[in-house]
Amino acid sequence: MKPQSHDFLAQHTYLTRRFFLRSGAAGLAAISTLPLFAEAAERDPALQQVIDNLEPWLTKPDDFQDVSRGNPQPHSLDEARRKEVGLTRDTWSLEVVSDPENKARIRNPLTKEKNTAFTFKDLMQLAETHAVRFPKIMTCLNIGCPLGNGIWEGVPLREVLWLTKPSKDLRRVFYDGFHNDDPKQLFRSSLPVGRVLEDMYGLPPVILCYKLNGQWLSPERGAPVRMVVPEAYGFKSIKWLSHVFLSNRVNANDTYGEKNNDVDSPLKTFCETISLPKTIKPGQPIPVTGYAQVGISGLKKVQVWVQNDEEERVAGDKYFTKAPWSDAEILPPPKNWGGDIADNRIPVPTQGFDPETGQPQTWPLRLSKAHWAALLPGLPPGKYTFRCRTIDDNGAAQPMPRPFMKSGRAAIDQVGFKVE
């Protein structure tokens, strides 16, 4: 019975496509309300082929895009110079002190002067009982494409904060990394102390990070130790960490805020296209794939829509809220995680993953990425625009409620193509 059922569905799909193609623009709008495909096992071979060629879920450490600051960039220093300035595991130390301008009361500052600075050996001792791992996509606030997706490992910053024995007047924590001893190159980020001490809303902790995908951080990735803030854009995850200041300051003092950036903005949910043919033959089904960044508000759906360029846009509908969007398929967890991870197995334990099976406990994973795919029905000759968008767990479609770049990218992606 199964082959006959499959043949019936295939014939029904073919006849349905033919009907809508004969219906012109109105048919094109109607076809986008149909399910794009059935179960994964029944995917069209052309679609399966492009899915098989998708990028891995995890990014190799060496393949992360780099937006490092500094002149010279710290990772470009030779090993002798990196040892001299404390950028190797055997020479690194971290000073954790009170902000001299807005003092917090601490009884045990960690300083080089008093020979109490926090060392890499100290960090490894804390890691024996406090190490955590979690997936995170690293994204620059003002760059649309993520820099890479990885499993980050480290010790919660709060464990080091407690070593200073704070007692009073602590409202904010700010921190910076190696900057060639040049005040003009200083790059600083900050967090409310509550975010450091508490992991609200199910978020992983803010960590002093030393490994990526189970490997020691490379100089390009911020070795030997960097900050990683799970729900934040990259400018919060300072590389080559050297100083942490405990402050009674009430507001943010991030360097990135000086350029009109929203320094408290969390990761947004959005999607983009990876593969879509530029030219397609009439009536030929169109395989499309893409990725979605899963922001702090989660990901419920990826939706797609094809518009004939000769059609008029709906007046006043800037974000296409009235367009006939259809659901694409959010692909399941991959069999091959990628990222040069040992034995193709997520390290145990990693937050969000079952420690016995190594599989994610939910999918897609918040603060990471997911891939999606769609098989568009064949179209008559013409010029078209393909668009995709996300729906978060709250049912909100991007780019609402923040469509402006300085608060993180959340745009409706669009790609033009021809049918001829």
Protein backbone atom coordinates (compact mmCIF):
# COMPACT_ATOMS: atom_id res chain seq x y z
CA MET A 1 0.00 0.00 0.00
CA LYS A 2 2.84 2.41 0.77
CA PRO A 3 4.15 2.64 -2.86
CA GLN A 4 0.63 3.26 -4.17
CA SER A 5 0.11 5.95 -1.52
CA HIS A 6 3.44 7.56 -2.41
CA ASP A 7 2.57 7.52 -6.14
CA PHE A 8 -0.79 9.12 -5.38
CA LEU A 9 0.83 11.92 -3.37
CA ALA A 10 3.41 12.54 -6.09
CA GLN A 11 0.73 12.68 -8.81
CA HIS A 12 -1.46 14.92 -6.63
CA THR A 13 1.46 17.32 -6.07
CA TYR A 14 2.21 17.42 -9.81
CA LEU A 15 -1.40 18.16 -10.77
CA THR A 16 -1.71 20.78 -8.01
CA ARG A 17 1.42 22.58 -9.25
CA ARG A 18 0.12 22.51 -12.84
CA PHE A 19 -3.19 24.00 -11.72
CA PHE A 20 -1.56 26.88 -9.85
CA LEU A 21 0.97 27.60 -12.58
CA ARG A 22 -1.92 28.10 -15.01
CA SER A 23 -3.50 30.51 -12.50
CA GLY A 24 -0.80 33.20 -12.81
CA ALA A 25 0.06 35.55 -9.94
CA ALA A 26 -2.95 34.59 -7.86
CA GLY A 27 -1.92 30.97 -8.14
CA LEU A 28 1.62 31.81 -7.03
CA ALA A 29 0.26 33.40 -3.87
CA ALA A 30 -2.00 30.42 -3.20
CA ILE A 31 0.74 27.85 -3.72
CA SER A 32 2.77 29.42 -0.91
CA THR A 33 0.08 28.42 1.60
CA LEU A 34 0.62 24.71 0.91
CA PRO A 35 2.98 22.52 2.98
CA LEU A 36 6.38 22.65 1.30
CA PHE A 37 7.08 18.94 1.74
CA ALA A 38 6.13 15.94 3.84
CA GLU A 39 8.35 13.80 6.06
CA ALA A 40 12.13 14.05 5.72
CA ALA A 41 12.24 10.51 4.34
CA GLU A 42 10.16 11.67 1.37
CA ARG A 43 12.35 14.61 0.41
CA ASP A 44 12.95 15.33 -3.23
CA PRO A 45 16.46 14.08 -4.22
CA ALA A 46 17.43 17.57 -5.42
CA LEU A 47 16.55 19.02 -2.03
CA GLN A 48 18.32 16.23 -0.17
CA GLN A 49 21.45 16.90 -2.20
CA VAL A 50 21.70 20.54 -1.12
CA ILE A 51 20.92 19.53 2.48
CA ASP A 52 23.78 17.03 2.36
CA ASN A 53 26.12 19.85 1.30
CA LEU A 54 25.22 22.18 4.15
CA GLU A 55 27.91 23.57 6.42
CA PRO A 56 28.47 21.68 9.71
CA TRP A 57 26.54 22.77 12.80
CA LEU A 58 29.77 23.48 14.70
CA THR A 59 32.44 25.70 13.19
CA LYS A 60 36.07 24.60 13.26
CA PRO A 61 38.00 26.92 15.61
CA ASP A 62 40.29 27.96 12.76
CA ASP A 63 37.30 28.75 10.53
CA PHE A 64 35.68 31.35 12.81
CA GLN A 65 35.60 34.77 11.18
CA ASP A 66 37.83 37.27 12.94
CA VAL A 67 37.04 40.87 13.93
CA SER A 68 39.97 41.31 16.33
CA ARG A 69 41.03 44.80 17.39
CA GLY A 70 44.49 46.18 18.06
CA ASN A 71 47.54 47.44 16.20
CA PRO A 72 49.25 45.05 16.11
CA GLN A 73 46.48 42.55 16.72
CA PRO A 74 47.40 40.56 19.85
CA HIS A 75 47.13 37.19 18.13
CA SER A 76 49.74 38.30 15.57
CA LEU A 77 52.47 38.61 18.22
CA ASP A 78 55.12 35.90 18.18
CA GLU A 79 55.24 33.45 21.07
CA ALA A 80 58.12 35.20 22.83
CA ARG A 81 56.23 38.49 22.87
CA ARG A 82 53.01 36.77 23.96
CA LYS A 83 54.88 35.21 26.88
CA GLU A 84 56.31 38.60 27.79
CA VAL A 85 52.89 40.28 27.95
CA GLY A 86 51.08 37.37 29.64
CA LEU A 87 49.20 35.89 26.70
CA THR A 88 50.21 32.25 27.19
CA ARG A 89 48.76 29.77 29.67
CA ASP A 90 51.95 29.70 31.74
CA THR A 91 52.25 33.51 31.96
CA TRP A 92 48.61 34.70 32.05
CA SER A 93 47.15 36.37 35.11
CA LEU A 94 43.98 38.33 35.79
CA GLU A 95 43.66 41.33 38.07
CA VAL A 96 40.27 41.69 39.79
CA VAL A 97 40.08 44.99 41.65
CA SER A 98 37.74 47.75 42.74
CA ASP A 99 36.90 50.48 40.23
CA PRO A 100 39.03 53.45 41.38
CA GLU A 101 36.37 55.96 40.28
CA ASN A 102 33.28 54.17 41.67
CA LYS A 103 34.65 51.93 44.38
CA ALA A 104 33.06 48.67 45.41
CA ARG A 105 34.00 47.39 48.85
CA ILE A 106 36.16 44.27 48.48
CA ARG A 107 38.41 42.78 51.13
CA ASN A 108 40.71 40.71 48.90
CA PRO A 109 41.64 42.40 45.59
CA LEU A 110 43.55 40.16 43.19
CA THR A 111 46.55 42.17 42.01
CA LYS A 112 49.98 41.69 40.50
CA GLU A 113 51.41 44.24 42.91
CA LYS A 114 50.47 42.09 45.92
CA ASN A 115 51.27 38.86 44.07
CA THR A 116 47.64 37.77 44.41
CA ALA A 117 46.57 38.03 40.75
CA PHE A 118 44.46 35.11 39.52
CA THR A 119 46.54 32.73 37.37
CA PHE A 120 45.76 30.05 34.80
CA LYS A 121 46.74 27.43 37.38
CA ASP A 122 44.14 28.93 39.73
CA LEU A 123 41.58 28.77 36.90
CA MET A 124 42.29 25.08 36.28
CA GLN A 125 41.87 24.32 39.98
CA LEU A 126 38.44 25.95 39.91
CA ALA A 127 37.65 24.08 36.69
CA GLU A 128 37.98 20.74 38.48
CA THR A 129 34.68 21.41 40.26
CA HIS A 130 33.08 24.36 38.46
CA ALA A 131 33.77 23.95 34.70
CA VAL A 132 30.76 24.38 32.40
CA ARG A 133 30.20 23.97 28.66
CA PHE A 134 27.48 25.34 26.45
CA PRO A 135 26.78 25.97 22.76
CA LYS A 136 26.84 29.55 21.57
CA ILE A 137 26.82 31.29 18.23
CA MET A 138 29.28 34.19 18.16
CA THR A 139 27.90 37.18 16.26
CA CYS A 140 29.04 40.78 15.86
CA LEU A 141 26.35 43.36 16.63
CA ASN A 142 26.69 45.10 13.26
CA ILE A 143 27.53 42.15 10.99
CA GLY A 144 24.69 40.08 9.59
CA CYS A 145 26.51 36.76 9.23
CA PRO A 146 27.53 34.98 12.46
CA LEU A 147 31.26 34.48 13.02
CA GLY A 148 30.88 30.84 14.04
CA ASN A 149 29.04 28.37 16.26
CA GLY A 150 30.88 26.46 18.98
CA ILE A 151 30.91 24.67 22.32
CA TRP A 152 32.56 27.02 24.82
CA GLU A 153 34.11 25.81 28.07
CA GLY A 154 35.10 27.79 31.13
CA VAL A 155 34.57 28.68 34.77
CA PRO A 156 31.73 31.00 35.84
CA LEU A 157 33.05 34.52 36.44
CA ARG A 158 31.20 34.64 39.76
CA GLU A 159 33.53 32.00 41.20
CA VAL A 160 36.43 34.40 40.78
CA LEU A 161 34.40 37.40 41.88
CA TRP A 162 33.72 35.68 45.24
CA LEU A 163 37.47 35.30 45.79
CA THR A 164 37.73 39.09 46.19
CA LYS A 165 35.31 38.93 49.17
CA PRO A 166 33.00 41.76 48.10
CA SER A 167 31.01 43.34 50.91
CA LYS A 168 29.26 46.49 49.70
CA ASP A 169 28.56 48.94 46.87
CA LEU A 170 28.86 46.49 43.97
CA ARG A 171 26.45 47.16 41.09
CA ARG A 172 28.41 46.61 37.89
CA VAL A 173 31.34 44.59 36.57
CA PHE A 174 33.45 45.86 33.70
CA TYR A 175 36.45 44.26 32.06
CA ASP A 176 39.01 44.63 29.29
CA GLY A 177 41.76 42.68 27.55
CA PHE A 178 45.31 43.21 26.35
CA HIS A 179 45.52 46.37 24.26
CA ASN A 180 49.26 46.88 23.55
CA ASP A 181 49.57 49.10 26.65
CA ASP A 182 47.98 51.86 24.58
CA PRO A 183 45.05 53.68 26.25
CA LYS A 184 43.67 54.61 22.83
CA GLN A 185 43.32 50.91 21.97
CA LEU A 186 41.48 49.99 25.17
CA PHE A 187 38.27 48.04 24.48
CA ARG A 188 35.97 47.52 27.45
CA SER A 189 32.64 45.81 28.11
CA SER A 190 30.44 45.61 31.18
CA LEU A 191 27.60 43.72 32.85
CA PRO A 192 25.29 44.34 35.80
CA VAL A 193 26.59 42.29 38.71
CA GLY A 194 23.24 40.50 38.91
CA ARG A 195 23.90 38.89 35.51
CA VAL A 196 27.28 37.64 36.75
CA LEU A 197 25.88 36.20 39.98
CA GLU A 198 22.60 34.75 38.64
CA ASP A 199 21.77 32.62 35.60
CA MET A 200 18.24 33.88 35.00
CA TYR A 201 15.79 32.60 32.38
CA GLY A 202 17.64 29.33 31.99
CA LEU A 203 20.77 31.00 30.58
CA PRO A 204 24.24 29.49 30.99
CA PRO A 205 26.65 31.47 33.19
CA VAL A 206 29.05 34.19 32.11
CA ILE A 207 32.40 32.39 31.94
CA LEU A 208 36.13 32.83 31.88
CA CYS A 209 36.58 30.70 28.76
CA TYR A 210 39.66 28.63 27.93
CA LYS A 211 38.41 26.00 25.44
CA LEU A 212 36.40 25.94 22.20
CA ASN A 213 35.03 22.64 20.83
CA GLY A 214 37.15 20.80 23.40
CA GLN A 215 40.40 22.45 22.26
CA TRP A 216 42.47 25.07 24.04
CA LEU A 217 41.69 28.53 22.69
CA SER A 218 44.05 29.68 19.97
CA PRO A 219 45.49 33.21 20.02
CA GLU A 220 43.01 34.17 17.25
CA ARG A 221 40.10 33.06 19.44
CA GLY A 222 41.33 35.04 22.47
CA ALA A 223 43.81 32.73 24.21
CA PRO A 224 44.64 32.03 26.85
CA VAL A 225 41.40 33.28 28.48
CA ARG A 226 38.49 35.33 27.20
CA MET A 227 35.11 36.32 28.54
CA VAL A 228 32.06 34.62 27.00
CA VAL A 229 28.59 36.04 27.69
CA PRO A 230 26.08 33.46 26.36
CA GLU A 231 23.16 35.70 25.33
CA ALA A 232 25.21 38.67 24.14
CA TYR A 233 26.83 39.83 20.92
CA GLY A 234 30.56 39.42 20.45
CA PHE A 235 31.66 42.76 21.88
CA LYS A 236 30.69 41.51 25.36
CA SER A 237 32.95 38.46 25.03
CA ILE A 238 36.27 40.27 25.37
CA LYS A 239 39.36 38.42 24.12
CA TRP A 240 42.79 38.21 25.83
CA LEU A 241 41.19 39.08 29.17
CA SER A 242 43.46 40.92 31.61
CA HIS A 243 41.41 43.08 34.02
CA VAL A 244 38.07 42.90 35.81
CA PHE A 245 36.81 45.90 37.77
CA LEU A 246 34.11 45.68 40.43
CA SER A 247 32.22 48.95 40.47
CA ASN A 248 29.44 50.89 42.14
CA ARG A 249 28.72 52.50 38.78
CA VAL A 250 25.04 52.43 37.88
CA ASN A 251 25.25 52.48 34.07
CA ALA A 252 27.15 50.74 31.29
CA ASN A 253 30.53 52.08 30.23
CA ASP A 254 31.21 49.84 27.22
CA THR A 255 33.60 51.20 24.60
CA TYR A 256 31.17 49.97 21.92
CA GLY A 257 28.51 52.32 23.27
CA GLU A 258 30.49 55.32 22.04
CA LYS A 259 29.42 54.53 18.45
CA ASN A 260 25.64 54.67 19.09
CA ASN A 261 25.44 50.91 19.67
CA ASP A 262 22.86 49.29 21.95
CA VAL A 263 25.25 47.65 24.44
CA ASP A 264 22.48 45.83 26.34
CA SER A 265 20.97 44.16 23.29
CA PRO A 266 20.63 40.35 23.45
CA LEU A 267 21.02 38.00 20.49
CA LYS A 268 18.13 38.24 18.02
CA THR A 269 16.46 35.41 16.14
CA PHE A 270 16.73 35.71 12.35
CA CYS A 271 17.44 33.61 9.27
CA GLU A 272 19.24 33.85 5.95
CA THR A 273 19.50 31.89 2.72
CA ILE A 274 22.51 29.68 2.02
CA SER A 275 21.65 28.08 -1.34
CA LEU A 276 19.17 29.16 -4.02
CA PRO A 277 19.83 28.77 -7.76
CA LYS A 278 20.15 32.09 -9.59
CA THR A 279 18.50 30.70 -12.72
CA ILE A 280 15.90 27.94 -12.83
CA LYS A 281 14.07 26.24 -15.67
CA PRO A 282 10.27 26.73 -15.86
CA GLY A 283 8.27 24.22 -13.89
CA GLN A 284 11.35 22.82 -12.12
CA PRO A 285 11.07 22.48 -8.31
CA ILE A 286 13.47 24.79 -6.49
CA PRO A 287 15.52 23.50 -3.51
CA VAL A 288 16.43 26.17 -0.95
CA THR A 289 18.47 25.94 2.25
CA GLY A 290 19.52 28.40 4.92
CA TYR A 291 20.47 28.89 8.54
CA ALA A 292 18.74 30.53 11.46
CA GLN A 293 20.38 32.22 14.41
CA VAL A 294 18.38 31.19 17.47
CA GLY A 295 18.32 34.24 19.69
CA ILE A 296 17.27 34.68 23.27
CA SER A 297 13.58 34.49 22.29
CA GLY A 298 13.99 31.05 20.67
CA LEU A 299 12.86 29.78 17.28
CA LYS A 300 9.44 28.35 16.48
CA LYS A 301 9.35 28.60 12.68
CA VAL A 302 11.25 29.57 9.57
CA GLN A 303 8.94 30.86 6.87
CA VAL A 304 9.47 31.52 3.17
CA TRP A 305 7.67 33.40 0.42
CA VAL A 306 8.24 33.85 -3.33
CA GLN A 307 6.99 37.01 -5.02
CA ASN A 308 6.77 37.68 -8.74
CA ASP A 309 8.63 40.98 -9.24
CA GLU A 310 5.81 42.24 -11.46
CA GLU A 311 3.36 42.12 -8.54
CA GLU A 312 2.67 45.31 -6.63
CA ARG A 313 3.59 45.45 -2.97
CA VAL A 314 0.91 46.00 -0.37
CA ALA A 315 1.00 49.68 0.60
CA GLY A 316 2.13 50.32 4.15
CA ASP A 317 3.22 46.71 4.72
CA LYS A 318 6.96 47.40 5.10
CA TYR A 319 7.67 44.12 6.89
CA PHE A 320 5.39 41.96 4.70
CA THR A 321 3.12 40.99 7.57
CA LYS A 322 0.27 40.36 5.10
CA ALA A 323 2.32 38.23 2.71
CA PRO A 324 1.35 34.57 2.18
CA TRP A 325 4.27 33.05 4.14
CA SER A 326 4.74 29.27 4.31
CA ASP A 327 6.60 27.13 6.82
CA ALA A 328 9.95 25.67 5.83
CA GLU A 329 11.43 22.63 7.56
CA ILE A 330 13.77 23.25 10.46
CA LEU A 331 16.24 20.42 10.03
CA PRO A 332 16.80 18.00 12.92
CA PRO A 333 20.09 17.68 14.85
CA PRO A 334 22.89 16.56 12.53
CA LYS A 335 24.58 13.18 12.61
CA ASN A 336 27.94 14.88 12.13
CA TRP A 337 28.43 17.85 14.47
CA GLY A 338 31.57 19.16 12.74
CA GLY A 339 33.86 21.68 14.40
CA ASP A 340 36.78 19.21 14.69
CA ILE A 341 35.14 17.95 17.87
CA ALA A 342 36.71 14.77 19.24
CA ASP A 343 35.04 11.51 18.16
CA ASN A 344 32.13 13.53 16.70
CA ARG A 345 30.64 13.62 20.20
CA ILE A 346 29.56 16.65 22.18
CA PRO A 347 31.72 16.77 25.37
CA VAL A 348 30.01 15.56 28.53
CA PRO A 349 28.52 17.40 30.27
CA THR A 350 27.39 20.21 27.96
CA GLN A 351 24.36 22.31 28.85
CA GLY A 352 21.42 21.50 26.59
CA PHE A 353 22.65 17.98 25.76
CA ASP A 354 21.73 14.65 27.35
CA PRO A 355 24.86 13.32 29.11
CA GLU A 356 24.11 9.69 28.16
CA THR A 357 23.05 9.97 24.53
CA GLY A 358 24.98 13.14 23.61
CA GLN A 359 21.86 14.40 21.83
CA PRO A 360 20.22 17.79 22.41
CA GLN A 361 17.42 17.83 24.96
CA THR A 362 15.44 20.33 22.87
CA TRP A 363 15.79 21.54 19.29
CA PRO A 364 16.62 24.08 18.03
CA LEU A 365 18.98 25.08 20.84
CA ARG A 366 18.65 28.63 22.03
CA LEU A 367 21.68 30.93 21.48
CA SER A 368 23.05 28.67 18.73
CA LYS A 369 22.00 28.00 15.13
CA ALA A 370 19.80 25.68 13.12
CA HIS A 371 19.53 24.87 9.42
CA TRP A 372 16.33 24.91 7.39
CA ALA A 373 15.24 23.74 3.96
CA ALA A 374 12.33 24.13 1.54
CA LEU A 375 11.35 22.75 -1.86
CA LEU A 376 9.53 25.45 -3.80
CA PRO A 377 7.14 24.34 -6.57
CA GLY A 378 8.13 25.02 -10.17
CA LEU A 379 7.30 28.48 -11.53
CA PRO A 380 6.51 30.03 -14.93
CA PRO A 381 9.14 32.25 -16.62
CA GLY A 382 9.83 35.57 -14.94
CA LYS A 383 11.85 37.40 -12.29
CA TYR A 384 11.18 36.58 -8.66
CA THR A 385 12.24 37.52 -5.15
CA PHE A 386 12.60 34.87 -2.46
CA ARG A 387 12.27 35.98 1.16
CA CYS A 388 12.65 34.18 4.48
CA ARG A 389 11.91 35.16 8.06
CA THR A 390 11.73 33.60 11.52
CA ILE A 391 8.96 33.31 14.09
CA ASP A 392 10.29 33.19 17.65
CA ASP A 393 8.89 31.16 20.55
CA ASN A 394 6.66 34.11 21.47
CA GLY A 395 5.05 34.10 18.03
CA ALA A 396 6.77 37.34 16.99
CA ALA A 397 7.97 37.61 13.39
CA GLN A 398 11.24 39.34 12.65
CA PRO A 399 12.26 42.04 12.27
CA MET A 400 9.90 43.23 15.00
CA PRO A 401 10.31 44.61 17.52
CA ARG A 402 13.84 45.88 16.72
CA PRO A 403 14.48 46.38 13.00
CA PHE A 404 17.50 48.69 13.44
CA MET A 405 21.06 47.45 12.96
CA LYS A 406 22.64 49.03 16.05
CA SER A 407 20.65 46.63 18.21
CA GLY A 408 21.64 43.50 16.30
CA ARG A 409 20.61 42.23 12.90
CA ALA A 410 17.02 41.05 12.50
CA ALA A 411 16.08 41.61 8.87
CA ILE A 412 13.98 39.75 6.34
CA ASP A 413 16.47 38.17 3.96
CA GLN A 414 15.72 38.43 0.25
CA VAL A 415 17.34 36.89 -2.83
CA GLY A 416 16.46 37.49 -6.47
CA PHE A 417 16.33 34.75 -9.11
CA LYS A 418 15.11 34.13 -12.66
CA VAL A 419 13.00 31.42 -14.19
CA GLU A 420 13.84 31.09 -17.90
